[in-house]
């Protein structure tokens, strides 16, 4: 692990398309983080990190507006000077990852006629899905979620961060960030199995990291593709199947696992499935018919409002 002291380089002001709730977007009610599990969120300010051109950046973001007049101030920290052309690319990356230009009008119109989404949207008004600033962390998440309960996935991610990640020190904070593809590509499967408890996933992560170091498209380049083209590109990576690709792809699909399949079976059909994994294809079809292109947004909204949704339907969805 490298400990990097970063200095303030420059700041950017973003205007987002309303409605845009900074707090709900950057720190989801279910506790989901934006860029790294170790980022801090306090009093409307988020301290996080990312990489750009293999260079670790510290990020400090806070809202300077409201949900209806959203503005975000972002300060970038780095070890080295960033030239103007790089600033433009970093700005584009952050705008894309923060989803500040995404319009939710059609999703909200759809929700007005949908009994499941009506209350959910009211609870989480202005929440955007956000995207990963860079690709490798999203793939690490996808791989560590495969065939594992959340406690086990968190163990693997925590060990990867602690033993192979980097630490960005800036603005009085120390933020742990994900390992780079180069670091993981230089590791052996046996080492990752021992040090990060990855099991069979060690080979997948090494092969993925090698592909990324050899010129696989960046997240920004995937976003420029048609969603299905981007998904097919992700499926060429070793160990990435349909579920993992739908977690990572730019326009999120409907990435059901056993846990979420139980929840959506109750919402769609009123009962818990006897064999959740076998129900996934039926549930994906039902989501497509019901929500179409907004199924990914419906997925995120519902999973971030389970406690309130449970009260409305009279069934505890948080116990699955």
C-alpha atoms as a PDB file:
ATOM      1  CA  UNK A   1       0.000   0.000   0.000  1.00  0.00           C
ATOM      2  CA  UNK A   2       1.248   3.474  -0.906  1.00  0.00           C
ATOM      3  CA  UNK A   3       0.560   6.488   1.321  1.00  0.00           C
ATOM      4  CA  UNK A   4       0.316   9.561  -0.891  1.00  0.00           C
ATOM      5  CA  UNK A   5       0.187  13.137   0.379  1.00  0.00           C
ATOM      6  CA  UNK A   6      -1.889  15.152  -2.074  1.00  0.00           C
ATOM      7  CA  UNK A   7      -2.058  18.925  -2.489  1.00  0.00           C
ATOM      8  CA  UNK A   8      -4.943  21.046  -3.734  1.00  0.00           C
ATOM      9  CA  UNK A   9      -4.676  21.594  -7.474  1.00  0.00           C
ATOM     10  CA  UNK A  10      -7.903  23.178  -8.678  1.00  0.00           C
ATOM     11  CA  UNK A  11     -11.656  23.382  -8.155  1.00  0.00           C
ATOM     12  CA  UNK A  12     -14.709  22.868 -10.360  1.00  0.00           C
ATOM     13  CA  UNK A  13     -18.279  24.094  -9.956  1.00  0.00           C
ATOM     14  CA  UNK A  14     -21.021  21.914 -11.433  1.00  0.00           C
ATOM     15  CA  UNK A  15     -24.645  22.773 -12.108  1.00  0.00           C
ATOM     16  CA  UNK A  16     -26.841  19.689 -12.127  1.00  0.00           C
ATOM     17  CA  UNK A  17     -30.163  19.118 -13.855  1.00  0.00           C
ATOM     18  CA  UNK A  18     -32.924  19.357 -11.204  1.00  0.00           C
ATOM     19  CA  UNK A  19     -34.208  17.636  -9.230  1.00  0.00           C
ATOM     20  CA  UNK A  20     -30.840  16.560  -7.818  1.00  0.00           C
ATOM     21  CA  UNK A  21     -30.362  15.754  -4.137  1.00  0.00           C
ATOM     22  CA  UNK A  22     -26.648  15.831  -3.368  1.00  0.00           C
ATOM     23  CA  UNK A  23     -27.030  14.026  -0.028  1.00  0.00           C
ATOM     24  CA  UNK A  24     -29.215  11.185  -1.361  1.00  0.00           C
ATOM     25  CA  UNK A  25     -27.066  10.799  -4.471  1.00  0.00           C
ATOM     26  CA  UNK A  26     -23.627  10.708  -2.838  1.00  0.00           C
ATOM     27  CA  UNK A  27     -24.615   8.705   0.247  1.00  0.00           C
ATOM     28  CA  UNK A  28     -27.486   6.361  -0.440  1.00  0.00           C
ATOM     29  CA  UNK A  29     -29.934   5.619   2.427  1.00  0.00           C
ATOM     30  CA  UNK A  30     -28.882   1.953   2.282  1.00  0.00           C
ATOM     31  CA  UNK A  31     -25.318   3.086   3.022  1.00  0.00           C
ATOM     32  CA  UNK A  32     -23.932   2.592  -0.485  1.00  0.00           C
ATOM     33  CA  UNK A  33     -20.814   4.609  -1.207  1.00  0.00           C
ATOM     34  CA  UNK A  34     -19.915   6.407  -4.430  1.00  0.00           C
ATOM     35  CA  UNK A  35     -16.262   5.714  -5.286  1.00  0.00           C
ATOM     36  CA  UNK A  36     -14.684   3.858  -2.339  1.00  0.00           C
ATOM     37  CA  UNK A  37     -16.083   2.246   0.832  1.00  0.00           C
ATOM     38  CA  UNK A  38     -13.658   4.353   2.866  1.00  0.00           C
ATOM     39  CA  UNK A  39     -14.893   7.740   1.679  1.00  0.00           C
ATOM     40  CA  UNK A  40     -16.246  10.082   4.353  1.00  0.00           C
ATOM     41  CA  UNK A  41     -19.549  11.925   4.251  1.00  0.00           C
ATOM     42  CA  UNK A  42     -20.305  14.519   6.909  1.00  0.00           C
ATOM     43  CA  UNK A  43     -22.577  17.577   7.019  1.00  0.00           C
ATOM     44  CA  UNK A  44     -23.164  17.546   3.276  1.00  0.00           C
ATOM     45  CA  UNK A  45     -19.484  17.120   2.320  1.00  0.00           C
ATOM     46  CA  UNK A  46     -17.955  14.034   0.726  1.00  0.00           C
ATOM     47  CA  UNK A  47     -14.227  13.242   0.815  1.00  0.00           C
ATOM     48  CA  UNK A  48     -13.389  10.537  -1.699  1.00  0.00           C
ATOM     49  CA  UNK A  49     -10.768   9.504  -4.256  1.00  0.00           C
ATOM     50  CA  UNK A  50     -10.333   8.084  -7.731  1.00  0.00           C
ATOM     51  CA  UNK A  51      -7.654   7.455 -10.323  1.00  0.00           C
ATOM     52  CA  UNK A  52      -7.074   9.256 -13.572  1.00  0.00           C
ATOM     53  CA  UNK A  53      -4.369   8.035 -15.973  1.00  0.00           C
ATOM     54  CA  UNK A  54      -3.002   5.834 -13.154  1.00  0.00           C
ATOM     55  CA  UNK A  55      -2.675   8.867 -10.892  1.00  0.00           C
ATOM     56  CA  UNK A  56      -4.448   8.952  -7.526  1.00  0.00           C
ATOM     57  CA  UNK A  57      -6.688  11.973  -6.996  1.00  0.00           C
ATOM     58  CA  UNK A  58      -8.318  13.208  -3.805  1.00  0.00           C
ATOM     59  CA  UNK A  59     -11.821  14.653  -4.149  1.00  0.00           C
ATOM     60  CA  UNK A  60     -13.743  16.954  -1.836  1.00  0.00           C
ATOM     61  CA  UNK A  61     -17.329  17.585  -2.899  1.00  0.00           C
ATOM     62  CA  UNK A  62     -20.087  19.591  -1.269  1.00  0.00           C
ATOM     63  CA  UNK A  63     -23.425  21.047  -2.267  1.00  0.00           C
ATOM     64  CA  UNK A  64     -23.703  24.796  -2.759  1.00  0.00           C
ATOM     65  CA  UNK A  65     -27.304  24.678  -3.986  1.00  0.00           C
ATOM     66  CA  UNK A  66     -30.629  22.956  -3.387  1.00  0.00           C
ATOM     67  CA  UNK A  67     -32.499  19.992  -4.854  1.00  0.00           C
ATOM     68  CA  UNK A  68     -34.316  22.322  -7.260  1.00  0.00           C
ATOM     69  CA  UNK A  69     -31.277  24.548  -7.942  1.00  0.00           C
ATOM     70  CA  UNK A  70     -28.451  22.032  -7.568  1.00  0.00           C
ATOM     71  CA  UNK A  71     -24.835  23.129  -7.593  1.00  0.00           C
ATOM     72  CA  UNK A  72     -21.779  21.127  -6.549  1.00  0.00           C
ATOM     73  CA  UNK A  73     -18.323  22.397  -5.680  1.00  0.00           C
ATOM     74  CA  UNK A  74     -15.501  19.893  -6.185  1.00  0.00           C
ATOM     75  CA  UNK A  75     -11.862  20.378  -5.168  1.00  0.00           C
ATOM     76  CA  UNK A  76      -9.260  18.078  -6.745  1.00  0.00           C
ATOM     77  CA  UNK A  77      -6.036  17.088  -4.962  1.00  0.00           C
ATOM     78  CA  UNK A  78      -3.018  15.536  -6.662  1.00  0.00           C
ATOM     79  CA  UNK A  79       0.721  14.914  -6.218  1.00  0.00           C
ATOM     80  CA  UNK A  80       1.579  16.467  -9.555  1.00  0.00           C
ATOM     81  CA  UNK A  81       0.421  19.329 -11.725  1.00  0.00           C
ATOM     82  CA  UNK A  82      -2.579  18.638 -13.941  1.00  0.00           C
ATOM     83  CA  UNK A  83      -2.516  20.287 -17.367  1.00  0.00           C
ATOM     84  CA  UNK A  84      -5.574  21.949 -18.893  1.00  0.00           C
ATOM     85  CA  UNK A  85      -6.358  19.102 -21.297  1.00  0.00           C
ATOM     86  CA  UNK A  86      -6.343  16.655 -18.368  1.00  0.00           C
ATOM     87  CA  UNK A  87      -8.586  18.971 -16.364  1.00  0.00           C
ATOM     88  CA  UNK A  88     -11.139  18.806 -19.158  1.00  0.00           C
ATOM     89  CA  UNK A  89     -11.080  15.002 -19.129  1.00  0.00           C
ATOM     90  CA  UNK A  90     -11.310  14.849 -15.324  1.00  0.00           C
ATOM     91  CA  UNK A  91     -14.243  17.265 -15.424  1.00  0.00           C
ATOM     92  CA  UNK A  92     -16.008  15.077 -17.994  1.00  0.00           C
ATOM     93  CA  UNK A  93     -15.342  11.971 -15.891  1.00  0.00           C
ATOM     94  CA  UNK A  94     -16.790  13.569 -12.752  1.00  0.00           C
ATOM     95  CA  UNK A  95     -19.853  14.971 -14.545  1.00  0.00           C
ATOM     96  CA  UNK A  96     -20.570  11.520 -15.925  1.00  0.00           C
ATOM     97  CA  UNK A  97     -19.953   9.749 -12.600  1.00  0.00           C
ATOM     98  CA  UNK A  98     -22.119  12.201 -10.646  1.00  0.00           C
ATOM     99  CA  UNK A  99     -24.899  11.955 -13.281  1.00  0.00           C
ATOM    100  CA  UNK A 100     -25.400  15.714 -13.108  1.00  0.00           C
ATOM    101  CA  UNK A 101     -26.770  15.930 -16.662  1.00  0.00           C
ATOM    102  CA  UNK A 102     -29.215  13.051 -16.320  1.00  0.00           C
ATOM    103  CA  UNK A 103     -32.897  13.976 -16.593  1.00  0.00           C
ATOM    104  CA  UNK A 104     -35.341  12.073 -14.388  1.00  0.00           C
ATOM    105  CA  UNK A 105     -38.584  13.595 -15.696  1.00  0.00           C
ATOM    106  CA  UNK A 106     -39.659  10.453 -17.578  1.00  0.00           C
ATOM    107  CA  UNK A 107     -38.831   8.213 -14.616  1.00  0.00           C
ATOM    108  CA  UNK A 108     -40.921  10.364 -12.313  1.00  0.00           C
ATOM    109  CA  UNK A 109     -43.826  10.395 -14.788  1.00  0.00           C
ATOM    110  CA  UNK A 110     -43.657   6.599 -14.929  1.00  0.00           C
ATOM    111  CA  UNK A 111     -43.616   6.372 -11.132  1.00  0.00           C
ATOM    112  CA  UNK A 112     -46.845   8.378 -10.785  1.00  0.00           C
ATOM    113  CA  UNK A 113     -48.769   5.490 -12.371  1.00  0.00           C
ATOM    114  CA  UNK A 114     -46.864   2.693 -10.627  1.00  0.00           C
ATOM    115  CA  UNK A 115     -48.091   1.584  -7.174  1.00  0.00           C
ATOM    116  CA  UNK A 116     -44.656   0.265  -6.193  1.00  0.00           C
ATOM    117  CA  UNK A 117     -42.724   3.371  -7.195  1.00  0.00           C
ATOM    118  CA  UNK A 118     -45.150   6.110  -6.115  1.00  0.00           C
ATOM    119  CA  UNK A 119     -44.131   6.178  -2.460  1.00  0.00           C
ATOM    120  CA  UNK A 120     -40.506   5.259  -3.163  1.00  0.00           C
ATOM    121  CA  UNK A 121     -39.980   8.275  -5.413  1.00  0.00           C
ATOM    122  CA  UNK A 122     -41.635  10.549  -2.854  1.00  0.00           C
ATOM    123  CA  UNK A 123     -39.245   9.265  -0.175  1.00  0.00           C
ATOM    124  CA  UNK A 124     -36.131   9.609  -2.340  1.00  0.00           C
ATOM    125  CA  UNK A 125     -37.002  12.569  -4.556  1.00  0.00           C
ATOM    126  CA  UNK A 126     -33.940  13.891  -6.380  1.00  0.00           C
ATOM    127  CA  UNK A 127     -31.748  10.832  -5.860  1.00  0.00           C
ATOM    128  CA  UNK A 128     -29.589   9.914  -8.867  1.00  0.00           C
ATOM    129  CA  UNK A 129     -27.930   6.554  -9.371  1.00  0.00           C
ATOM    130  CA  UNK A 130     -24.380   7.937  -9.944  1.00  0.00           C
ATOM    131  CA  UNK A 131     -21.701   5.954 -11.735  1.00  0.00           C
ATOM    132  CA  UNK A 132     -18.181   4.793 -11.012  1.00  0.00           C
ATOM    133  CA  UNK A 133     -15.468   7.329 -11.861  1.00  0.00           C
ATOM    134  CA  UNK A 134     -13.251   4.478 -13.119  1.00  0.00           C
ATOM    135  CA  UNK A 135     -13.807   0.900 -14.235  1.00  0.00           C
ATOM    136  CA  UNK A 136     -11.636  -1.384 -12.091  1.00  0.00           C
ATOM    137  CA  UNK A 137     -13.363  -0.703  -8.734  1.00  0.00           C
ATOM    138  CA  UNK A 138     -16.718  -1.530 -10.330  1.00  0.00           C
ATOM    139  CA  UNK A 139     -15.304  -4.837 -11.569  1.00  0.00           C
ATOM    140  CA  UNK A 140     -13.823  -5.602  -8.141  1.00  0.00           C
ATOM    141  CA  UNK A 141     -17.275  -5.113  -6.635  1.00  0.00           C
ATOM    142  CA  UNK A 142     -18.879  -7.311  -9.286  1.00  0.00           C
ATOM    143  CA  UNK A 143     -16.376 -10.137  -8.757  1.00  0.00           C
ATOM    144  CA  UNK A 144     -16.503 -10.065  -4.951  1.00  0.00           C
ATOM    145  CA  UNK A 145     -20.326 -10.141  -4.990  1.00  0.00           C
ATOM    146  CA  UNK A 146     -20.375 -13.370  -6.997  1.00  0.00           C
ATOM    147  CA  UNK A 147     -21.840 -16.329  -5.095  1.00  0.00           C
ATOM    148  CA  UNK A 148     -21.225 -14.758  -1.686  1.00  0.00           C
ATOM    149  CA  UNK A 149     -23.301 -13.272   1.154  1.00  0.00           C
ATOM    150  CA  UNK A 150     -22.713  -9.583   1.837  1.00  0.00           C
ATOM    151  CA  UNK A 151     -20.562 -10.263   4.918  1.00  0.00           C
ATOM    152  CA  UNK A 152     -18.208 -12.410   2.826  1.00  0.00           C
ATOM    153  CA  UNK A 153     -18.090  -9.863  -0.008  1.00  0.00           C
ATOM    154  CA  UNK A 154     -17.265  -7.068   2.434  1.00  0.00           C
ATOM    155  CA  UNK A 155     -14.452  -9.168   3.905  1.00  0.00           C
ATOM    156  CA  UNK A 156     -12.844  -9.595   0.474  1.00  0.00           C
ATOM    157  CA  UNK A 157     -13.191  -5.919  -0.428  1.00  0.00           C
ATOM    158  CA  UNK A 158     -11.848  -4.769   2.948  1.00  0.00           C
ATOM    159  CA  UNK A 159      -8.772  -6.987   2.587  1.00  0.00           C
ATOM    160  CA  UNK A 160      -8.125  -5.793  -0.979  1.00  0.00           C
ATOM    161  CA  UNK A 161      -8.305  -2.176   0.181  1.00  0.00           C
ATOM    162  CA  UNK A 162      -6.124  -2.749   3.241  1.00  0.00           C
ATOM    163  CA  UNK A 163      -3.428  -4.892   1.646  1.00  0.00           C
ATOM    164  CA  UNK A 164      -3.317  -3.726  -1.975  1.00  0.00           C
ATOM    165  CA  UNK A 165      -4.980  -0.323  -2.132  1.00  0.00           C
ATOM    166  CA  UNK A 166      -3.496   3.161  -1.728  1.00  0.00           C
ATOM    167  CA  UNK A 167      -4.107   5.879   0.849  1.00  0.00           C
ATOM    168  CA  UNK A 168      -4.797   9.460  -0.262  1.00  0.00           C
ATOM    169  CA  UNK A 169      -4.005  12.071   2.403  1.00  0.00           C
ATOM    170  CA  UNK A 170      -5.563  15.498   1.785  1.00  0.00           C
ATOM    171  CA  UNK A 171      -7.595  18.174   3.569  1.00  0.00           C
ATOM    172  CA  UNK A 172      -6.874  16.548   6.918  1.00  0.00           C
ATOM    173  CA  UNK A 173      -8.369  13.231   5.773  1.00  0.00           C
ATOM    174  CA  UNK A 174      -6.910   9.842   4.894  1.00  0.00           C
ATOM    175  CA  UNK A 175      -8.987   7.949   2.332  1.00  0.00           C
ATOM    176  CA  UNK A 176      -8.222   4.359   1.376  1.00  0.00           C
ATOM    177  CA  UNK A 177      -8.716   3.660  -2.309  1.00  0.00           C
ATOM    178  CA  UNK A 178      -8.927   0.518  -4.417  1.00  0.00           C
ATOM    179  CA  UNK A 179      -5.824  -1.248  -5.765  1.00  0.00           C
ATOM    180  CA  UNK A 180      -4.774  -0.443  -9.305  1.00  0.00           C
ATOM    181  CA  UNK A 181      -5.023  -3.013 -12.112  1.00  0.00           C
ATOM    182  CA  UNK A 182      -1.207  -2.947 -12.320  1.00  0.00           C
ATOM    183  CA  UNK A 183      -0.886  -3.963  -8.658  1.00  0.00           C
ATOM    184  CA  UNK A 184      -3.328  -6.861  -8.950  1.00  0.00           C
ATOM    185  CA  UNK A 185      -1.897  -8.008 -12.290  1.00  0.00           C
ATOM    186  CA  UNK A 186       1.497  -8.412 -10.581  1.00  0.00           C
ATOM    187  CA  UNK A 187       0.005 -10.693  -7.893  1.00  0.00           C
ATOM    188  CA  UNK A 188      -0.427 -14.456  -8.024  1.00  0.00           C
ATOM    189  CA  UNK A 189      -3.713 -16.308  -7.495  1.00  0.00           C
ATOM    190  CA  UNK A 190      -2.227 -18.073  -4.464  1.00  0.00           C
ATOM    191  CA  UNK A 191      -1.265 -14.733  -2.895  1.00  0.00           C
ATOM    192  CA  UNK A 192      -4.715 -13.209  -3.432  1.00  0.00           C
ATOM    193  CA  UNK A 193      -6.413 -16.321  -2.087  1.00  0.00           C
ATOM    194  CA  UNK A 194      -4.317 -16.070   1.081  1.00  0.00           C
ATOM    195  CA  UNK A 195      -4.157 -12.304   1.588  1.00  0.00           C
ATOM    196  CA  UNK A 196      -7.629 -11.274   0.374  1.00  0.00           C
ATOM    197  CA  UNK A 197      -9.587 -14.530   0.870  1.00  0.00           C
ATOM    198  CA  UNK A 198     -10.749 -14.386  -2.762  1.00  0.00           C
ATOM    199  CA  UNK A 199     -10.954 -18.117  -3.436  1.00  0.00           C
ATOM    200  CA  UNK A 200     -11.697 -18.900  -7.095  1.00  0.00           C
ATOM    201  CA  UNK A 201     -12.243 -15.156  -7.708  1.00  0.00           C
ATOM    202  CA  UNK A 202      -8.479 -14.530  -7.491  1.00  0.00           C
ATOM    203  CA  UNK A 203      -7.901 -15.778 -11.039  1.00  0.00           C
ATOM    204  CA  UNK A 204     -10.813 -13.702 -12.335  1.00  0.00           C
ATOM    205  CA  UNK A 205      -9.485 -10.524 -10.773  1.00  0.00           C
ATOM    206  CA  UNK A 206      -5.964 -11.095 -12.081  1.00  0.00           C
ATOM    207  CA  UNK A 207      -7.170 -11.826 -15.616  1.00  0.00           C
ATOM    208  CA  UNK A 208      -9.419  -8.751 -15.537  1.00  0.00           C
ATOM    209  CA  UNK A 209      -6.595  -6.542 -14.309  1.00  0.00           C
ATOM    210  CA  UNK A 210      -4.325  -7.813 -17.083  1.00  0.00           C
ATOM    211  CA  UNK A 211      -6.987  -7.023 -19.693  1.00  0.00           C
ATOM    212  CA  UNK A 212      -7.336  -3.491 -18.323  1.00  0.00           C
ATOM    213  CA  UNK A 213      -3.579  -2.873 -18.405  1.00  0.00           C
ATOM    214  CA  UNK A 214      -3.497  -4.052 -22.023  1.00  0.00           C
ATOM    215  CA  UNK A 215      -5.970  -1.497 -23.364  1.00  0.00           C
ATOM    216  CA  UNK A 216      -9.526  -2.435 -22.422  1.00  0.00           C
ATOM    217  CA  UNK A 217     -11.951   0.532 -22.813  1.00  0.00           C
ATOM    218  CA  UNK A 218     -12.181   2.951 -19.903  1.00  0.00           C
ATOM    219  CA  UNK A 219     -15.476   3.649 -18.147  1.00  0.00           C
ATOM    220  CA  UNK A 220     -15.824   6.887 -20.115  1.00  0.00           C
ATOM    221  CA  UNK A 221     -15.331   4.949 -23.359  1.00  0.00           C
ATOM    222  CA  UNK A 222     -17.912   2.364 -22.314  1.00  0.00           C
ATOM    223  CA  UNK A 223     -20.370   5.192 -21.612  1.00  0.00           C
ATOM    224  CA  UNK A 224     -19.896   6.427 -25.174  1.00  0.00           C
ATOM    225  CA  UNK A 225     -21.066   3.050 -26.492  1.00  0.00           C
ATOM    226  CA  UNK A 226     -24.596   1.755 -26.901  1.00  0.00           C
ATOM    227  CA  UNK A 227     -25.517   0.081 -23.569  1.00  0.00           C
ATOM    228  CA  UNK A 228     -25.777  -3.385 -25.103  1.00  0.00           C
ATOM    229  CA  UNK A 229     -22.465  -2.944 -26.917  1.00  0.00           C
ATOM    230  CA  UNK A 230     -20.856  -1.959 -23.619  1.00  0.00           C
ATOM    231  CA  UNK A 231     -22.391  -5.002 -21.928  1.00  0.00           C
ATOM    232  CA  UNK A 232     -21.078  -7.331 -24.629  1.00  0.00           C
ATOM    233  CA  UNK A 233     -17.618  -5.808 -24.226  1.00  0.00           C
ATOM    234  CA  UNK A 234     -17.721  -6.427 -20.468  1.00  0.00           C
ATOM    235  CA  UNK A 235     -18.801 -10.022 -21.054  1.00  0.00           C
ATOM    236  CA  UNK A 236     -15.476 -10.667 -22.839  1.00  0.00           C
ATOM    237  CA  UNK A 237     -13.664 -10.235 -19.507  1.00  0.00           C
ATOM    238  CA  UNK A 238     -12.718 -13.430 -17.690  1.00  0.00           C
ATOM    239  CA  UNK A 239     -15.166 -14.245 -14.898  1.00  0.00           C
ATOM    240  CA  UNK A 240     -17.742 -11.604 -15.869  1.00  0.00           C
ATOM    241  CA  UNK A 241     -21.186 -13.009 -16.579  1.00  0.00           C
ATOM    242  CA  UNK A 242     -24.593 -11.455 -17.094  1.00  0.00           C
ATOM    243  CA  UNK A 243     -25.139 -10.464 -13.443  1.00  0.00           C
ATOM    244  CA  UNK A 244     -21.702  -8.854 -13.109  1.00  0.00           C
ATOM    245  CA  UNK A 245     -21.949  -7.056 -16.447  1.00  0.00           C
ATOM    246  CA  UNK A 246     -25.332  -5.567 -15.516  1.00  0.00           C
ATOM    247  CA  UNK A 247     -23.836  -4.217 -12.284  1.00  0.00           C
ATOM    248  CA  UNK A 248     -21.025  -2.491 -14.148  1.00  0.00           C
ATOM    249  CA  UNK A 249     -22.517  -1.450 -17.500  1.00  0.00           C
ATOM    250  CA  UNK A 250     -23.089   2.298 -18.016  1.00  0.00           C
ATOM    251  CA  UNK A 251     -26.882   2.144 -18.178  1.00  0.00           C
ATOM    252  CA  UNK A 252     -27.486  -0.243 -15.318  1.00  0.00           C
ATOM    253  CA  UNK A 253     -29.570  -3.299 -16.082  1.00  0.00           C
ATOM    254  CA  UNK A 254     -31.600  -5.282 -13.554  1.00  0.00           C
ATOM    255  CA  UNK A 255     -28.865  -7.268 -11.740  1.00  0.00           C
ATOM    256  CA  UNK A 256     -30.797  -9.751  -9.647  1.00  0.00           C
ATOM    257  CA  UNK A 257     -29.196 -12.158  -7.196  1.00  0.00           C
ATOM    258  CA  UNK A 258     -30.883 -14.541  -4.753  1.00  0.00           C
ATOM    259  CA  UNK A 259     -31.450 -11.780  -2.167  1.00  0.00           C
ATOM    260  CA  UNK A 260     -32.975  -9.210  -4.523  1.00  0.00           C
ATOM    261  CA  UNK A 261     -34.951 -11.891  -6.396  1.00  0.00           C
ATOM    262  CA  UNK A 262     -36.873 -12.614  -3.179  1.00  0.00           C
ATOM    263  CA  UNK A 263     -37.703  -8.917  -2.752  1.00  0.00           C
ATOM    264  CA  UNK A 264     -38.936  -8.377  -6.294  1.00  0.00           C
ATOM    265  CA  UNK A 265     -40.915 -11.613  -6.350  1.00  0.00           C
ATOM    266  CA  UNK A 266     -42.868 -10.342  -3.345  1.00  0.00           C
ATOM    267  CA  UNK A 267     -43.388  -6.956  -5.021  1.00  0.00           C
ATOM    268  CA  UNK A 268     -44.439  -8.389  -8.393  1.00  0.00           C
ATOM    269  CA  UNK A 269     -46.282 -11.565  -7.400  1.00  0.00           C
ATOM    270  CA  UNK A 270     -47.013 -11.235  -3.691  1.00  0.00           C
ATOM    271  CA  UNK A 271     -44.978 -14.178  -2.435  1.00  0.00           C
ATOM    272  CA  UNK A 272     -41.441 -15.364  -1.779  1.00  0.00           C
ATOM    273  CA  UNK A 273     -40.162 -17.725  -4.488  1.00  0.00           C
ATOM    274  CA  UNK A 274     -39.341 -21.303  -3.496  1.00  0.00           C
ATOM    275  CA  UNK A 275     -36.274 -21.240  -5.753  1.00  0.00           C
ATOM    276  CA  UNK A 276     -35.115 -17.593  -6.055  1.00  0.00           C
ATOM    277  CA  UNK A 277     -32.393 -18.294  -8.604  1.00  0.00           C
ATOM    278  CA  UNK A 278     -34.858 -20.030 -10.915  1.00  0.00           C
ATOM    279  CA  UNK A 279     -37.203 -17.027 -10.684  1.00  0.00           C
ATOM    280  CA  UNK A 280     -34.635 -14.509 -11.953  1.00  0.00           C
ATOM    281  CA  UNK A 281     -35.447 -14.753 -15.671  1.00  0.00           C
ATOM    282  CA  UNK A 282     -39.176 -14.296 -15.005  1.00  0.00           C
ATOM    283  CA  UNK A 283     -38.509 -11.319 -12.743  1.00  0.00           C
ATOM    284  CA  UNK A 284     -36.204  -9.644 -15.280  1.00  0.00           C
ATOM    285  CA  UNK A 285     -38.891  -9.990 -17.940  1.00  0.00           C
ATOM    286  CA  UNK A 286     -41.516  -8.535 -15.583  1.00  0.00           C
ATOM    287  CA  UNK A 287     -39.237  -5.581 -14.776  1.00  0.00           C
ATOM    288  CA  UNK A 288     -38.618  -4.916 -18.462  1.00  0.00           C
ATOM    289  CA  UNK A 289     -42.346  -4.961 -19.229  1.00  0.00           C
ATOM    290  CA  UNK A 290     -43.163  -2.763 -16.265  1.00  0.00           C
ATOM    291  CA  UNK A 291     -40.349  -0.194 -16.288  1.00  0.00           C
ATOM    292  CA  UNK A 292     -38.520  -0.549 -19.613  1.00  0.00           C
ATOM    293  CA  UNK A 293     -35.439   1.636 -19.862  1.00  0.00           C
ATOM    294  CA  UNK A 294     -35.960   2.822 -16.263  1.00  0.00           C
ATOM    295  CA  UNK A 295     -35.720  -0.639 -14.689  1.00  0.00           C
ATOM    296  CA  UNK A 296     -32.224   0.098 -13.378  1.00  0.00           C
ATOM    297  CA  UNK A 297     -33.445   3.252 -11.660  1.00  0.00           C
ATOM    298  CA  UNK A 298     -36.425   1.382 -10.212  1.00  0.00           C
ATOM    299  CA  UNK A 299     -34.019  -1.261  -8.882  1.00  0.00           C
ATOM    300  CA  UNK A 300     -31.838   1.317  -7.089  1.00  0.00           C
ATOM    301  CA  UNK A 301     -34.748   3.336  -5.708  1.00  0.00           C
ATOM    302  CA  UNK A 302     -36.542   0.291  -4.312  1.00  0.00           C
ATOM    303  CA  UNK A 303     -33.465  -1.225  -2.641  1.00  0.00           C
ATOM    304  CA  UNK A 304     -32.724   2.110  -0.981  1.00  0.00           C
ATOM    305  CA  UNK A 305     -36.237   2.453   0.438  1.00  0.00           C
ATOM    306  CA  UNK A 306     -36.921  -1.056   1.747  1.00  0.00           C
ATOM    307  CA  UNK A 307     -37.837  -0.020   5.289  1.00  0.00           C
ATOM    308  CA  UNK A 308     -40.493   2.481   4.202  1.00  0.00           C
ATOM    309  CA  UNK A 309     -41.721   0.271   1.362  1.00  0.00           C
ATOM    310  CA  UNK A 310     -42.106  -2.614   3.826  1.00  0.00           C
ATOM    311  CA  UNK A 311     -44.435  -0.507   5.964  1.00  0.00           C
ATOM    312  CA  UNK A 312     -46.569   0.406   2.971  1.00  0.00           C
ATOM    313  CA  UNK A 313     -47.067  -3.146   1.743  1.00  0.00           C
ATOM    314  CA  UNK A 314     -47.258  -4.798   5.173  1.00  0.00           C
ATOM    315  CA  UNK A 315     -44.382  -7.215   4.478  1.00  0.00           C
ATOM    316  CA  UNK A 316     -40.852  -6.917   5.884  1.00  0.00           C
ATOM    317  CA  UNK A 317     -38.546  -6.822   2.873  1.00  0.00           C
ATOM    318  CA  UNK A 318     -35.446  -6.150   4.992  1.00  0.00           C
ATOM    319  CA  UNK A 319     -35.256  -9.684   6.440  1.00  0.00           C
ATOM    320  CA  UNK A 320     -34.358 -11.600   3.281  1.00  0.00           C
END
